[in-house]
Amino acid sequence: QWEANEEDDLAGYNVYVNGVKDNLEIITTTNYQITSLTSGLEYLTTVTAIDKSGNESIPVESLKVIPISDPSKEVKNVSIDSNGYNWREATC
């Protein structure tokens, strides 16, 4: 999930995994599930915005992810406070 682009001519988004576009069609929401990842491997994911003329933005941030297959080791919720990272179980 990512923060929405507020441009009036926004058509949607593309999601890239290791530099390769993962979605087949423009994404019109601010979330997308990547299903083609292998547990334990490292991936670099990025999101770009597409306008109604088909122009694509440059990616402004990248997120490094390493999927895991053991759900008991999954980080459910992470927040950052004045003491650093605060890890806790998700409430939803």
Protein backbone atom coordinates (compact mmCIF):
# COMPACT_ATOMS: atom_id res chain seq x y z
CA GLN A 1 0.00 0.00 0.00
CA TRP A 2 1.24 3.52 -0.75
CA GLU A 3 0.21 7.15 -0.41
CA ALA A 4 -2.08 8.37 -3.20
CA ASN A 5 -0.85 10.76 -5.88
CA GLU A 6 -3.01 13.89 -5.78
CA GLU A 7 -2.57 15.02 -9.42
CA ASP A 8 -5.81 15.78 -11.30
CA ASP A 9 -4.75 13.80 -14.37
CA LEU A 10 -3.73 10.62 -12.52
CA ALA A 11 -4.67 7.45 -14.37
CA GLY A 12 -3.10 4.96 -11.96
CA TYR A 13 0.11 3.22 -10.95
CA ASN A 14 2.63 0.59 -11.97
CA VAL A 15 4.47 -1.70 -9.53
CA TYR A 16 7.99 -2.89 -10.34
CA VAL A 17 9.84 -5.82 -8.79
CA ASN A 18 13.60 -5.73 -9.36
CA GLY A 19 13.02 -3.27 -12.22
CA VAL A 20 10.39 -5.38 -14.03
CA LYS A 21 6.76 -4.23 -14.16
CA ASP A 22 4.63 -6.75 -12.24
CA ASN A 23 1.08 -5.57 -13.04
CA LEU A 24 -0.52 -6.32 -16.42
CA GLU A 25 -2.89 -3.32 -16.34
CA ILE A 26 -2.67 0.08 -14.68
CA ILE A 27 -3.52 -0.17 -10.96
CA THR A 28 -6.26 2.28 -9.97
CA THR A 29 -6.05 1.79 -6.19
CA THR A 30 -3.22 2.42 -3.73
CA ASN A 31 -2.53 -1.22 -2.97
CA TYR A 32 -1.33 -4.22 -4.92
CA GLN A 33 -0.42 -7.77 -3.94
CA ILE A 34 2.70 -9.23 -5.49
CA THR A 35 2.23 -12.99 -5.69
CA SER A 36 5.27 -14.13 -7.66
CA LEU A 37 7.87 -13.86 -4.88
CA THR A 38 9.99 -16.70 -3.52
CA SER A 39 10.50 -17.02 0.24
CA GLY A 40 13.94 -16.00 1.46
CA LEU A 41 14.99 -14.05 -1.65
CA GLU A 42 15.47 -10.27 -1.58
CA TYR A 43 13.40 -8.04 -3.88
CA LEU A 44 13.42 -4.31 -4.60
CA THR A 45 9.91 -2.96 -5.20
CA THR A 46 8.97 0.46 -6.60
CA VAL A 47 5.77 2.27 -7.59
CA THR A 48 5.33 4.83 -10.36
CA ALA A 49 2.37 7.06 -11.20
CA ILE A 50 0.83 7.18 -14.69
CA ASP A 51 -1.07 10.21 -16.00
CA LYS A 52 -4.01 10.12 -18.45
CA SER A 53 -1.61 10.85 -21.36
CA GLY A 54 0.41 7.73 -20.49
CA ASN A 55 3.40 9.57 -19.02
CA GLU A 56 5.08 7.65 -16.20
CA SER A 57 6.78 9.24 -13.20
CA ILE A 58 10.17 8.19 -11.96
CA PRO A 59 10.01 6.00 -8.84
CA VAL A 60 10.54 8.20 -5.79
CA GLU A 61 11.09 5.45 -3.22
CA SER A 62 12.10 1.82 -3.27
CA LEU A 63 11.25 -0.82 -0.71
CA LYS A 64 13.46 -3.84 -0.13
CA VAL A 65 11.44 -6.92 0.87
CA ILE A 66 12.34 -10.49 1.78
CA PRO A 67 9.23 -12.69 1.92
CA ILE A 68 9.11 -15.49 4.50
CA SER A 69 7.16 -18.71 4.42
CA ASP A 70 6.79 -19.11 8.19
CA PRO A 71 3.82 -16.93 9.26
CA SER A 72 4.83 -17.21 12.93
CA LYS A 73 7.91 -15.09 12.12
CA GLU A 74 5.99 -12.48 10.14
CA VAL A 75 6.20 -8.89 11.35
CA LYS A 76 2.56 -7.88 11.73
CA ASN A 77 2.90 -4.18 12.48
CA VAL A 78 5.83 -1.79 12.75
CA SER A 79 5.74 1.80 13.91
CA ILE A 80 8.50 4.27 14.61
CA ASP A 81 8.50 6.28 17.81
CA SER A 82 11.09 8.44 19.62
CA ASN A 83 12.80 5.31 20.96
CA GLY A 84 13.24 3.76 17.52
CA TYR A 85 11.24 0.86 16.12
CA ASN A 86 8.24 -0.44 18.01
CA TRP A 87 7.19 -3.97 17.03
CA ARG A 88 3.74 -5.17 18.01
CA GLU A 89 1.03 -7.56 16.93
CA ALA A 90 -1.49 -6.09 14.51
CA THR A 91 -4.93 -5.39 15.90
CA CYS A 92 -6.82 -6.02 12.68
